[in-house]
Amino acid sequence: MSKRSSSKTSRTDWKRINKMRDDDIDLSEIPEITAKQITRSTLRIGGKAVSKGKIQVNLTLDAGVVAYFKTQARGRNFQRLINEALKTKIRDQNIENVLRRVIREELQEAG
């Protein structure tokens, strides 16, 4: 087995990369994540897998937040909508972080 040379000088413009905002990254060629992929996924927080079960909690929310979700639920379970909104936020944040990491790794290897 041969070791990869670590003496190569990177030609990547790291100053430009580090100054990039999220909006500057072209995500047009990255395929959408499917529902099947999300179903197979494991939620990790701090590197530890989190159960997919539900836990009952007492939570204090702004009155306007509760009113919004009750209106959106139209008589159905507004708590489910709050749960879905929170899950979407977590998923989107995780996807953004993974995409940033992968893009930076690919740019580094290409350099």
PDB file of N, CA and C in Angstrom:
ATOM      1  N   MET A   1       0.834  -1.181   0.000  1.00  0.00           N
ATOM      2  CA  MET A   1       0.000   0.000   0.000  1.00  0.00           C
ATOM      3  C   MET A   1       0.880   1.246   0.000  1.00  0.00           C
ATOM      4  N   SER A   2       0.571   2.171  -0.845  1.00  0.00           N
ATOM      5  CA  SER A   2       1.366   3.389  -0.887  1.00  0.00           C
ATOM      6  C   SER A   2       0.623   4.521  -0.200  1.00  0.00           C
ATOM      7  N   LYS A   3       1.383   5.372   0.414  1.00  0.00           N
ATOM      8  CA  LYS A   3       0.793   6.540   1.069  1.00  0.00           C
ATOM      9  C   LYS A   3       0.668   7.660   0.055  1.00  0.00           C
ATOM     10  N   ARG A   4      -0.394   8.414   0.174  1.00  0.00           N
ATOM     11  CA  ARG A   4      -0.547   9.585  -0.689  1.00  0.00           C
ATOM     12  C   ARG A   4       0.427  10.652  -0.234  1.00  0.00           C
ATOM     13  N   SER A   5       1.006  11.321  -1.178  1.00  0.00           N
ATOM     14  CA  SER A   5       1.956  12.377  -0.859  1.00  0.00           C
ATOM     15  C   SER A   5       1.229  13.556  -0.224  1.00  0.00           C
ATOM     16  N   SER A   6       1.759  14.004   0.891  1.00  0.00           N
ATOM     17  CA  SER A   6       1.162  15.168   1.540  1.00  0.00           C
ATOM     18  C   SER A   6       1.968  16.430   1.253  1.00  0.00           C
ATOM     19  N   SER A   7       2.953  16.294   0.361  1.00  0.00           N
ATOM     20  CA  SER A   7       3.796  17.446   0.062  1.00  0.00           C
ATOM     21  C   SER A   7       3.264  18.274  -1.100  1.00  0.00           C
ATOM     22  N   LYS A   8       2.141  17.871  -1.690  1.00  0.00           N
ATOM     23  CA  LYS A   8       1.579  18.634  -2.797  1.00  0.00           C
ATOM     24  C   LYS A   8       1.105  19.998  -2.307  1.00  0.00           C
ATOM     25  N   THR A   9       1.351  20.989  -3.099  1.00  0.00           N
ATOM     26  CA  THR A   9       0.887  22.334  -2.786  1.00  0.00           C
ATOM     27  C   THR A   9      -0.498  22.519  -3.388  1.00  0.00           C
ATOM     28  N   SER A  10      -1.420  22.945  -2.574  1.00  0.00           N
ATOM     29  CA  SER A  10      -2.786  23.153  -3.039  1.00  0.00           C
ATOM     30  C   SER A  10      -2.843  24.368  -3.945  1.00  0.00           C
ATOM     31  N   ARG A  11      -3.563  24.224  -5.051  1.00  0.00           N
ATOM     32  CA  ARG A  11      -3.774  25.351  -5.952  1.00  0.00           C
ATOM     33  C   ARG A  11      -5.148  25.970  -5.721  1.00  0.00           C
ATOM     34  N   THR A  12      -5.819  25.516  -4.687  1.00  0.00           N
ATOM     35  CA  THR A  12      -7.148  26.035  -4.367  1.00  0.00           C
ATOM     36  C   THR A  12      -7.031  27.441  -3.797  1.00  0.00           C
ATOM     37  N   ASP A  13      -7.892  28.302  -4.237  1.00  0.00           N
ATOM     38  CA  ASP A  13      -7.928  29.677  -3.738  1.00  0.00           C
ATOM     39  C   ASP A  13      -8.723  29.685  -2.434  1.00  0.00           C
ATOM     40  N   TRP A  14      -8.058  29.315  -1.334  1.00  0.00           N
ATOM     41  CA  TRP A  14      -8.738  29.164  -0.050  1.00  0.00           C
ATOM     42  C   TRP A  14      -9.284  30.479   0.475  1.00  0.00           C
ATOM     43  N   LYS A  15      -8.638  31.584   0.172  1.00  0.00           N
ATOM     44  CA  LYS A  15      -9.167  32.880   0.617  1.00  0.00           C
ATOM     45  C   LYS A  15     -10.538  33.125  -0.008  1.00  0.00           C
ATOM     46  N   ARG A  16     -10.650  32.812  -1.300  1.00  0.00           N
ATOM     47  CA  ARG A  16     -11.932  32.982  -1.994  1.00  0.00           C
ATOM     48  C   ARG A  16     -12.973  32.019  -1.429  1.00  0.00           C
ATOM     49  N   ILE A  17     -12.586  30.765  -1.220  1.00  0.00           N
ATOM     50  CA  ILE A  17     -13.515  29.753  -0.698  1.00  0.00           C
ATOM     51  C   ILE A  17     -14.014  30.158   0.688  1.00  0.00           C
ATOM     52  N   ASN A  18     -13.102  30.570   1.550  1.00  0.00           N
ATOM     53  CA  ASN A  18     -13.480  30.929   2.921  1.00  0.00           C
ATOM     54  C   ASN A  18     -14.355  32.175   2.987  1.00  0.00           C
ATOM     55  N   LYS A  19     -14.269  33.039   1.974  1.00  0.00           N
ATOM     56  CA  LYS A  19     -15.096  34.246   1.947  1.00  0.00           C
ATOM     57  C   LYS A  19     -16.479  33.992   1.341  1.00  0.00           C
ATOM     58  N   MET A  20     -16.664  32.814   0.724  1.00  0.00           N
ATOM     59  CA  MET A  20     -17.936  32.515   0.060  1.00  0.00           C
ATOM     60  C   MET A  20     -19.082  32.460   1.063  1.00  0.00           C
ATOM     61  N   ARG A  21     -20.213  32.997   0.639  1.00  0.00           N
ATOM     62  CA  ARG A  21     -21.442  32.859   1.413  1.00  0.00           C
ATOM     63  C   ARG A  21     -22.163  31.621   0.896  1.00  0.00           C
ATOM     64  N   ASP A  22     -23.114  31.138   1.649  1.00  0.00           N
ATOM     65  CA  ASP A  22     -23.881  29.969   1.220  1.00  0.00           C
ATOM     66  C   ASP A  22     -24.542  30.211  -0.134  1.00  0.00           C
ATOM     67  N   ASP A  23     -25.015  31.435  -0.359  1.00  0.00           N
ATOM     68  CA  ASP A  23     -25.698  31.760  -1.612  1.00  0.00           C
ATOM     69  C   ASP A  23     -24.763  31.709  -2.816  1.00  0.00           C
ATOM     70  N   ASP A  24     -23.453  31.784  -2.586  1.00  0.00           N
ATOM     71  CA  ASP A  24     -22.480  31.761  -3.672  1.00  0.00           C
ATOM     72  C   ASP A  24     -22.217  30.352  -4.197  1.00  0.00           C
ATOM     73  N   ILE A  25     -22.640  29.333  -3.461  1.00  0.00           N
ATOM     74  CA  ILE A  25     -22.373  27.950  -3.849  1.00  0.00           C
ATOM     75  C   ILE A  25     -23.461  27.487  -4.810  1.00  0.00           C
ATOM     76  N   ASP A  26     -23.051  26.993  -5.977  1.00  0.00           N
ATOM     77  CA  ASP A  26     -23.988  26.509  -6.990  1.00  0.00           C
ATOM     78  C   ASP A  26     -24.439  25.098  -6.632  1.00  0.00           C
ATOM     79  N   LEU A  27     -25.694  24.958  -6.261  1.00  0.00           N
ATOM     80  CA  LEU A  27     -26.249  23.662  -5.874  1.00  0.00           C
ATOM     81  C   LEU A  27     -27.127  23.071  -6.972  1.00  0.00           C
ATOM     82  N   SER A  28     -27.094  23.660  -8.172  1.00  0.00           N
ATOM     83  CA  SER A  28     -28.027  23.267  -9.227  1.00  0.00           C
ATOM     84  C   SER A  28     -27.843  21.832  -9.702  1.00  0.00           C
ATOM     85  N   GLU A  29     -26.652  21.271  -9.596  1.00  0.00           N
ATOM     86  CA  GLU A  29     -26.419  19.913 -10.082  1.00  0.00           C
ATOM     87  C   GLU A  29     -26.572  18.854  -8.994  1.00  0.00           C
ATOM     88  N   ILE A  30     -26.901  19.266  -7.790  1.00  0.00           N
ATOM     89  CA  ILE A  30     -27.061  18.312  -6.695  1.00  0.00           C
ATOM     90  C   ILE A  30     -28.505  17.819  -6.707  1.00  0.00           C
ATOM     91  N   PRO A  31     -28.709  16.495  -6.800  1.00  0.00           N
ATOM     92  CA  PRO A  31     -30.083  15.975  -6.863  1.00  0.00           C
ATOM     93  C   PRO A  31     -30.830  16.181  -5.552  1.00  0.00           C
ATOM     94  N   GLU A  32     -32.152  16.282  -5.662  1.00  0.00           N
ATOM     95  CA  GLU A  32     -32.996  16.411  -4.478  1.00  0.00           C
ATOM     96  C   GLU A  32     -32.936  15.120  -3.664  1.00  0.00           C
ATOM     97  N   ILE A  33     -33.063  15.242  -2.376  1.00  0.00           N
ATOM     98  CA  ILE A  33     -33.096  14.069  -1.510  1.00  0.00           C
ATOM     99  C   ILE A  33     -34.508  13.499  -1.552  1.00  0.00           C
ATOM    100  N   THR A  34     -34.597  12.184  -1.716  1.00  0.00           N
ATOM    101  CA  THR A  34     -35.900  11.535  -1.845  1.00  0.00           C
ATOM    102  C   THR A  34     -36.489  11.202  -0.477  1.00  0.00           C
ATOM    103  N   ALA A  35     -37.788  10.955  -0.460  1.00  0.00           N
ATOM    104  CA  ALA A  35     -38.464  10.555   0.778  1.00  0.00           C
ATOM    105  C   ALA A  35     -37.894   9.231   1.284  1.00  0.00           C
ATOM    106  N   LYS A  36     -37.527   8.342   0.363  1.00  0.00           N
ATOM    107  CA  LYS A  36     -36.947   7.049   0.748  1.00  0.00           C
ATOM    108  C   LYS A  36     -35.621   7.253   1.482  1.00  0.00           C
ATOM    109  N   GLN A  37     -34.790   8.175   0.985  1.00  0.00           N
ATOM    110  CA  GLN A  37     -33.516   8.463   1.647  1.00  0.00           C
ATOM    111  C   GLN A  37     -33.746   9.038   3.042  1.00  0.00           C
ATOM    112  N   ILE A  38     -34.721   9.897   3.168  1.00  0.00           N
ATOM    113  CA  ILE A  38     -35.019  10.497   4.472  1.00  0.00           C
ATOM    114  C   ILE A  38     -35.510   9.429   5.440  1.00  0.00           C
ATOM    115  N   THR A  39     -36.342   8.501   4.942  1.00  0.00           N
ATOM    116  CA  THR A  39     -36.856   7.422   5.788  1.00  0.00           C
ATOM    117  C   THR A  39     -35.723   6.550   6.314  1.00  0.00           C
ATOM    118  N   ARG A  40     -34.720   6.292   5.477  1.00  0.00           N
ATOM    119  CA  ARG A  40     -33.591   5.441   5.873  1.00  0.00           C
ATOM    120  C   ARG A  40     -32.579   6.185   6.737  1.00  0.00           C
ATOM    121  N   SER A  41     -32.708   7.481   6.833  1.00  0.00           N
ATOM    122  CA  SER A  41     -31.704   8.280   7.538  1.00  0.00           C
ATOM    123  C   SER A  41     -31.760   8.081   9.049  1.00  0.00           C
ATOM    124  N   THR A  42     -30.655   8.402   9.685  1.00  0.00           N
ATOM    125  CA  THR A  42     -30.569   8.362  11.142  1.00  0.00           C
ATOM    126  C   THR A  42     -30.274   9.769  11.629  1.00  0.00           C
ATOM    127  N   LEU A  43     -31.137  10.293  12.466  1.00  0.00           N
ATOM    128  CA  LEU A  43     -30.911  11.614  13.036  1.00  0.00           C
ATOM    129  C   LEU A  43     -29.826  11.499  14.090  1.00  0.00           C
ATOM    130  N   ARG A  44     -28.820  12.343  13.971  1.00  0.00           N
ATOM    131  CA  ARG A  44     -27.733  12.368  14.944  1.00  0.00           C
ATOM    132  C   ARG A  44     -27.589  13.788  15.467  1.00  0.00           C
ATOM    133  N   ILE A  45     -27.452  13.883  16.762  1.00  0.00           N
ATOM    134  CA  ILE A  45     -27.197  15.171  17.397  1.00  0.00           C
ATOM    135  C   ILE A  45     -25.961  14.987  18.249  1.00  0.00           C
ATOM    136  N   GLY A  46     -24.949  15.799  17.981  1.00  0.00           N
ATOM    137  CA  GLY A  46     -23.683  15.645  18.693  1.00  0.00           C
ATOM    138  C   GLY A  46     -23.037  14.296  18.409  1.00  0.00           C
ATOM    139  N   GLY A  47     -23.302  13.739  17.213  1.00  0.00           N
ATOM    140  CA  GLY A  47     -22.717  12.466  16.822  1.00  0.00           C
ATOM    141  C   GLY A  47     -23.444  11.247  17.360  1.00  0.00           C
ATOM    142  N   LYS A  48     -24.453  11.452  18.179  1.00  0.00           N
ATOM    143  CA  LYS A  48     -25.184  10.324  18.775  1.00  0.00           C
ATOM    144  C   LYS A  48     -26.541  10.165  18.095  1.00  0.00           C
ATOM    145  N   ALA A  49     -26.899   8.913  17.780  1.00  0.00           N
ATOM    146  CA  ALA A  49     -28.193   8.630  17.158  1.00  0.00           C
ATOM    147  C   ALA A  49     -29.319   8.959  18.132  1.00  0.00           C
ATOM    148  N   VAL A  50     -30.386   9.539  17.591  1.00  0.00           N
ATOM    149  CA  VAL A  50     -31.544   9.913  18.395  1.00  0.00           C
ATOM    150  C   VAL A  50     -32.710   9.010  17.995  1.00  0.00           C
ATOM    151  N   SER A  51     -33.450   8.519  18.969  1.00  0.00           N
ATOM    152  CA  SER A  51     -34.591   7.633  18.734  1.00  0.00           C
ATOM    153  C   SER A  51     -35.615   8.304  17.830  1.00  0.00           C
ATOM    154  N   LYS A  52     -36.259   7.493  16.989  1.00  0.00           N
ATOM    155  CA  LYS A  52     -37.311   8.023  16.122  1.00  0.00           C
ATOM    156  C   LYS A  52     -38.667   8.044  16.817  1.00  0.00           C
ATOM    157  N   GLY A  53     -38.719   7.571  18.048  1.00  0.00           N
ATOM    158  CA  GLY A  53     -39.967   7.580  18.812  1.00  0.00           C
ATOM    159  C   GLY A  53     -40.334   8.994  19.241  1.00  0.00           C
ATOM    160  N   LYS A  54     -41.454   9.127  19.871  1.00  0.00           N
ATOM    161  CA  LYS A  54     -41.911  10.440  20.341  1.00  0.00           C
ATOM    162  C   LYS A  54     -41.776  10.525  21.852  1.00  0.00           C
ATOM    163  N   ILE A  55     -41.502  11.732  22.326  1.00  0.00           N
ATOM    164  CA  ILE A  55     -41.363  12.006  23.752  1.00  0.00           C
ATOM    165  C   ILE A  55     -42.289  13.170  24.075  1.00  0.00           C
ATOM    166  N   GLN A  56     -43.067  13.030  25.122  1.00  0.00           N
ATOM    167  CA  GLN A  56     -43.963  14.108  25.519  1.00  0.00           C
ATOM    168  C   GLN A  56     -43.182  15.122  26.347  1.00  0.00           C
ATOM    169  N   VAL A  57     -43.325  16.410  25.977  1.00  0.00           N
ATOM    170  CA  VAL A  57     -42.654  17.485  26.709  1.00  0.00           C
ATOM    171  C   VAL A  57     -43.651  18.611  26.962  1.00  0.00           C
ATOM    172  N   ASN A  58     -43.378  19.383  27.987  1.00  0.00           N
ATOM    173  CA  ASN A  58     -44.115  20.625  28.224  1.00  0.00           C
ATOM    174  C   ASN A  58     -43.285  21.738  27.618  1.00  0.00           C
ATOM    175  N   LEU A  59     -43.912  22.559  26.803  1.00  0.00           N
ATOM    176  CA  LEU A  59     -43.187  23.563  26.044  1.00  0.00           C
ATOM    177  C   LEU A  59     -43.968  24.867  26.082  1.00  0.00           C
ATOM    178  N   THR A  60     -43.300  25.963  26.386  1.00  0.00           N
ATOM    179  CA  THR A  60     -43.942  27.271  26.386  1.00  0.00           C
ATOM    180  C   THR A  60     -43.622  27.969  25.068  1.00  0.00           C
ATOM    181  N   LEU A  61     -44.656  28.324  24.330  1.00  0.00           N
ATOM    182  CA  LEU A  61     -44.496  28.982  23.034  1.00  0.00           C
ATOM    183  C   LEU A  61     -45.188  30.336  23.058  1.00  0.00           C
ATOM    184  N   ASP A  62     -44.762  31.225  22.188  1.00  0.00           N
ATOM    185  CA  ASP A  62     -45.439  32.510  22.044  1.00  0.00           C
ATOM    186  C   ASP A  62     -46.873  32.265  21.576  1.00  0.00           C
ATOM    187  N   ALA A  63     -47.789  33.098  22.059  1.00  0.00           N
ATOM    188  CA  ALA A  63     -49.201  32.958  21.690  1.00  0.00           C
ATOM    189  C   ALA A  63     -49.383  33.041  20.179  1.00  0.00           C
ATOM    190  N   GLY A  64     -48.632  33.914  19.542  1.00  0.00           N
ATOM    191  CA  GLY A  64     -48.733  34.060  18.087  1.00  0.00           C
ATOM    192  C   GLY A  64     -48.308  32.806  17.336  1.00  0.00           C
ATOM    193  N   VAL A  65     -47.310  32.105  17.860  1.00  0.00           N
ATOM    194  CA  VAL A  65     -46.848  30.860  17.237  1.00  0.00           C
ATOM    195  C   VAL A  65     -47.952  29.809  17.316  1.00  0.00           C
ATOM    196  N   VAL A  66     -48.545  29.669  18.496  1.00  0.00           N
ATOM    197  CA  VAL A  66     -49.622  28.686  18.681  1.00  0.00           C
ATOM    198  C   VAL A  66     -50.813  29.046  17.791  1.00  0.00           C
ATOM    199  N   ALA A  67     -51.183  30.322  17.756  1.00  0.00           N
ATOM    200  CA  ALA A  67     -52.312  30.755  16.926  1.00  0.00           C
ATOM    201  C   ALA A  67     -52.050  30.445  15.454  1.00  0.00           C
ATOM    202  N   TYR A  68     -50.839  30.694  14.996  1.00  0.00           N
ATOM    203  CA  TYR A  68     -50.486  30.411  13.602  1.00  0.00           C
ATOM    204  C   TYR A  68     -50.684  28.931  13.280  1.00  0.00           C
ATOM    205  N   PHE A  69     -50.126  28.052  14.108  1.00  0.00           N
ATOM    206  CA  PHE A  69     -50.217  26.619  13.826  1.00  0.00           C
ATOM    207  C   PHE A  69     -51.646  26.096  13.977  1.00  0.00           C
ATOM    208  N   LYS A  70     -52.411  26.648  14.911  1.00  0.00           N
ATOM    209  CA  LYS A  70     -53.817  26.242  15.035  1.00  0.00           C
ATOM    210  C   LYS A  70     -54.592  26.640  13.778  1.00  0.00           C
ATOM    211  N   THR A  71     -54.312  27.827  13.259  1.00  0.00           N
ATOM    212  CA  THR A  71     -54.962  28.280  12.026  1.00  0.00           C
ATOM    213  C   THR A  71     -54.578  27.375  10.860  1.00  0.00           C
ATOM    214  N   GLN A  72     -53.304  27.051  10.753  1.00  0.00           N
ATOM    215  CA  GLN A  72     -52.829  26.187   9.673  1.00  0.00           C
ATOM    216  C   GLN A  72     -53.421  24.783   9.768  1.00  0.00           C
ATOM    217  N   ALA A  73     -53.647  24.311  10.986  1.00  0.00           N
ATOM    218  CA  ALA A  73     -54.150  22.948  11.199  1.00  0.00           C
ATOM    219  C   ALA A  73     -55.631  22.815  10.851  1.00  0.00           C
ATOM    220  N   ARG A  74     -56.365  23.918  10.856  1.00  0.00           N
ATOM    221  CA  ARG A  74     -57.800  23.928  10.521  1.00  0.00           C
ATOM    222  C   ARG A  74     -58.577  22.855  11.291  1.00  0.00           C
ATOM    223  N   GLY A  75     -58.405  22.859  12.612  1.00  0.00           N
ATOM    224  CA  GLY A  75     -59.150  21.937  13.454  1.00  0.00           C
ATOM    225  C   GLY A  75     -58.480  20.593  13.666  1.00  0.00           C
ATOM    226  N   ARG A  76     -57.401  20.329  12.935  1.00  0.00           N
ATOM    227  CA  ARG A  76     -56.678  19.071  13.142  1.00  0.00           C
ATOM    228  C   ARG A  76     -55.639  19.282  14.229  1.00  0.00           C
ATOM    229  N   ASN A  77     -54.738  18.350  14.384  1.00  0.00           N
ATOM    230  CA  ASN A  77     -53.721  18.380  15.431  1.00  0.00           C
ATOM    231  C   ASN A  77     -52.626  19.404  15.107  1.00  0.00           C
ATOM    232  N   PHE A  78     -52.706  20.572  15.717  1.00  0.00           N
ATOM    233  CA  PHE A  78     -51.715  21.615  15.444  1.00  0.00           C
ATOM    234  C   PHE A  78     -50.338  21.247  15.986  1.00  0.00           C
ATOM    235  N   GLN A  79     -50.288  20.406  17.018  1.00  0.00           N
ATOM    236  CA  GLN A  79     -48.993  20.000  17.576  1.00  0.00           C
ATOM    237  C   GLN A  79     -48.192  19.187  16.561  1.00  0.00           C
ATOM    238  N   ARG A  80     -48.892  18.416  15.744  1.00  0.00           N
ATOM    239  CA  ARG A  80     -48.222  17.641  14.695  1.00  0.00           C
ATOM    240  C   ARG A  80     -47.566  18.588  13.695  1.00  0.00           C
ATOM    241  N   LEU A  81     -48.245  19.689  13.372  1.00  0.00           N
ATOM    242  CA  LEU A  81     -47.673  20.668  12.447  1.00  0.00           C
ATOM    243  C   LEU A  81     -46.423  21.322  13.033  1.00  0.00           C
ATOM    244  N   ILE A  82     -46.453  21.626  14.317  1.00  0.00           N
ATOM    245  CA  ILE A  82     -45.269  22.194  14.973  1.00  0.00           C
ATOM    246  C   ILE A  82     -44.122  21.194  14.905  1.00  0.00           C
ATOM    247  N   ASN A  83     -44.407  19.930  15.183  1.00  0.00           N
ATOM    248  CA  ASN A  83     -43.392  18.881  15.122  1.00  0.00           C
ATOM    249  C   ASN A  83     -42.800  18.775  13.712  1.00  0.00           C
ATOM    250  N   GLU A  84     -43.663  18.803  12.697  1.00  0.00           N
ATOM    251  CA  GLU A  84     -43.197  18.713  11.308  1.00  0.00           C
ATOM    252  C   GLU A  84     -42.330  19.918  10.940  1.00  0.00           C
ATOM    253  N   ALA A  85     -42.720  21.104  11.394  1.00  0.00           N
ATOM    254  CA  ALA A  85     -41.933  22.307  11.109  1.00  0.00           C
ATOM    255  C   ALA A  85     -40.545  22.210  11.744  1.00  0.00           C
ATOM    256  N   LEU A  86     -40.492  21.709  12.955  1.00  0.00           N
ATOM    257  CA  LEU A  86     -39.200  21.554  13.635  1.00  0.00           C
ATOM    258  C   LEU A  86     -38.337  20.501  12.940  1.00  0.00           C
ATOM    259  N   LYS A  87     -38.944  19.386  12.536  1.00  0.00           N
ATOM    260  CA  LYS A  87     -38.190  18.337  11.836  1.00  0.00           C
ATOM    261  C   LYS A  87     -37.648  18.849  10.507  1.00  0.00           C
ATOM    262  N   THR A  88     -38.457  19.631   9.798  1.00  0.00           N
ATOM    263  CA  THR A  88     -38.016  20.196   8.522  1.00  0.00           C
ATOM    264  C   THR A  88     -36.825  21.118   8.727  1.00  0.00           C
ATOM    265  N   LYS A  89     -36.882  21.954   9.742  1.00  0.00           N
ATOM    266  CA  LYS A  89     -35.776  22.868  10.035  1.00  0.00           C
ATOM    267  C   LYS A  89     -34.499  22.091  10.332  1.00  0.00           C
ATOM    268  N   ILE A  90     -34.599  21.047  11.153  1.00  0.00           N
ATOM    269  CA  ILE A  90     -33.426  20.234  11.496  1.00  0.00           C
ATOM    270  C   ILE A  90     -32.877  19.562  10.250  1.00  0.00           C
ATOM    271  N   ARG A  91     -33.755  18.951   9.454  1.00  0.00           N
ATOM    272  CA  ARG A  91     -33.315  18.256   8.242  1.00  0.00           C
ATOM    273  C   ARG A  91     -32.631  19.219   7.277  1.00  0.00           C
ATOM    274  N   ASP A  92     -33.247  20.371   7.043  1.00  0.00           N
ATOM    275  CA  ASP A  92     -32.674  21.340   6.113  1.00  0.00           C
ATOM    276  C   ASP A  92     -31.319  21.838   6.594  1.00  0.00           C
ATOM    277  N   GLN A  93     -31.189  22.084   7.883  1.00  0.00           N
ATOM    278  CA  GLN A  93     -29.915  22.544   8.433  1.00  0.00           C
ATOM    279  C   GLN A  93     -28.851  21.469   8.273  1.00  0.00           C
ATOM    280  N   ASN A  94     -29.210  20.206   8.553  1.00  0.00           N
ATOM    281  CA  ASN A  94     -28.258  19.106   8.403  1.00  0.00           C
ATOM    282  C   ASN A  94     -27.834  18.946   6.953  1.00  0.00           C
ATOM    283  N   ILE A  95     -28.784  19.049   6.026  1.00  0.00           N
ATOM    284  CA  ILE A  95     -28.470  18.919   4.603  1.00  0.00           C
ATOM    285  C   ILE A  95     -27.524  20.027   4.176  1.00  0.00           C
ATOM    286  N   GLU A  96     -27.792  21.256   4.596  1.00  0.00           N
ATOM    287  CA  GLU A  96     -26.922  22.379   4.247  1.00  0.00           C
ATOM    288  C   GLU A  96     -25.512  22.156   4.772  1.00  0.00           C
ATOM    289  N   ASN A  97     -25.392  21.698   6.006  1.00  0.00           N
ATOM    290  CA  ASN A  97     -24.068  21.464   6.584  1.00  0.00           C
ATOM    291  C   ASN A  97     -23.319  20.371   5.838  1.00  0.00           C
ATOM    292  N   VAL A  98     -24.003  19.288   5.495  1.00  0.00           N
ATOM    293  CA  VAL A  98     -23.364  18.194   4.758  1.00  0.00           C
ATOM    294  C   VAL A  98     -22.935  18.676   3.378  1.00  0.00           C
ATOM    295  N   LEU A  99     -23.801  19.408   2.691  1.00  0.00           N
ATOM    296  CA  LEU A  99     -23.455  19.909   1.362  1.00  0.00           C
ATOM    297  C   LEU A  99     -22.245  20.833   1.413  1.00  0.00           C
ATOM    298  N   ARG A 100     -22.210  21.719   2.392  1.00  0.00           N
ATOM    299  CA  ARG A 100     -21.051  22.609   2.526  1.00  0.00           C
ATOM    300  C   ARG A 100     -19.769  21.806   2.726  1.00  0.00           C
ATOM    301  N   ARG A 101     -19.833  20.793   3.615  1.00  0.00           N
ATOM    302  CA  ARG A 101     -18.652  19.979   3.903  1.00  0.00           C
ATOM    303  C   ARG A 101     -18.198  19.224   2.656  1.00  0.00           C
ATOM    304  N   VAL A 102     -19.137  18.599   1.945  1.00  0.00           N
ATOM    305  CA  VAL A 102     -18.794  17.828   0.750  1.00  0.00           C
ATOM    306  C   VAL A 102     -18.209  18.731  -0.323  1.00  0.00           C
ATOM    307  N   ILE A 103     -18.819  19.879  -0.543  1.00  0.00           N
ATOM    308  CA  ILE A 103     -18.314  20.805  -1.560  1.00  0.00           C
ATOM    309  C   ILE A 103     -16.908  21.265  -1.211  1.00  0.00           C
ATOM    310  N   ARG A 104     -16.682  21.603   0.045  1.00  0.00           N
ATOM    311  CA  ARG A 104     -15.340  22.040   0.443  1.00  0.00           C
ATOM    312  C   ARG A 104     -14.320  20.916   0.297  1.00  0.00           C
ATOM    313  N   GLU A 105     -14.702  19.680   0.649  1.00  0.00           N
ATOM    314  CA  GLU A 105     -13.791  18.541   0.488  1.00  0.00           C
ATOM    315  C   GLU A 105     -13.472  18.305  -0.983  1.00  0.00           C
ATOM    316  N   GLU A 106     -14.488  18.382  -1.838  1.00  0.00           N
ATOM    317  CA  GLU A 106     -14.272  18.179  -3.271  1.00  0.00           C
ATOM    318  C   GLU A 106     -13.379  19.279  -3.842  1.00  0.00           C
ATOM    319  N   LEU A 107     -13.620  20.508  -3.440  1.00  0.00           N
ATOM    320  CA  LEU A 107     -12.779  21.606  -3.917  1.00  0.00           C
ATOM    321  C   LEU A 107     -11.339  21.437  -3.445  1.00  0.00           C
ATOM    322  N   GLN A 108     -11.174  20.975  -2.219  1.00  0.00           N
ATOM    323  CA  GLN A 108      -9.831  20.773  -1.681  1.00  0.00           C
ATOM    324  C   GLN A 108      -9.110  19.666  -2.449  1.00  0.00           C
ATOM    325  N   GLU A 109      -9.801  18.561  -2.735  1.00  0.00           N
ATOM    326  CA  GLU A 109      -9.179  17.461  -3.468  1.00  0.00           C
ATOM    327  C   GLU A 109      -8.882  17.848  -4.907  1.00  0.00           C
ATOM    328  N   ALA A 110      -9.721  18.683  -5.502  1.00  0.00           N
ATOM    329  CA  ALA A 110      -9.519  19.095  -6.887  1.00  0.00           C
ATOM    330  C   ALA A 110      -8.348  20.063  -7.015  1.00  0.00           C
ATOM    331  N   GLY A 111      -8.043  20.742  -5.909  1.00  0.00           N
ATOM    332  CA  GLY A 111      -7.000  21.758  -5.936  1.00  0.00           C
ATOM    333  C   GLY A 111      -5.674  21.153  -5.970  1.00  0.00           C
TER     334      GLY A 111
END
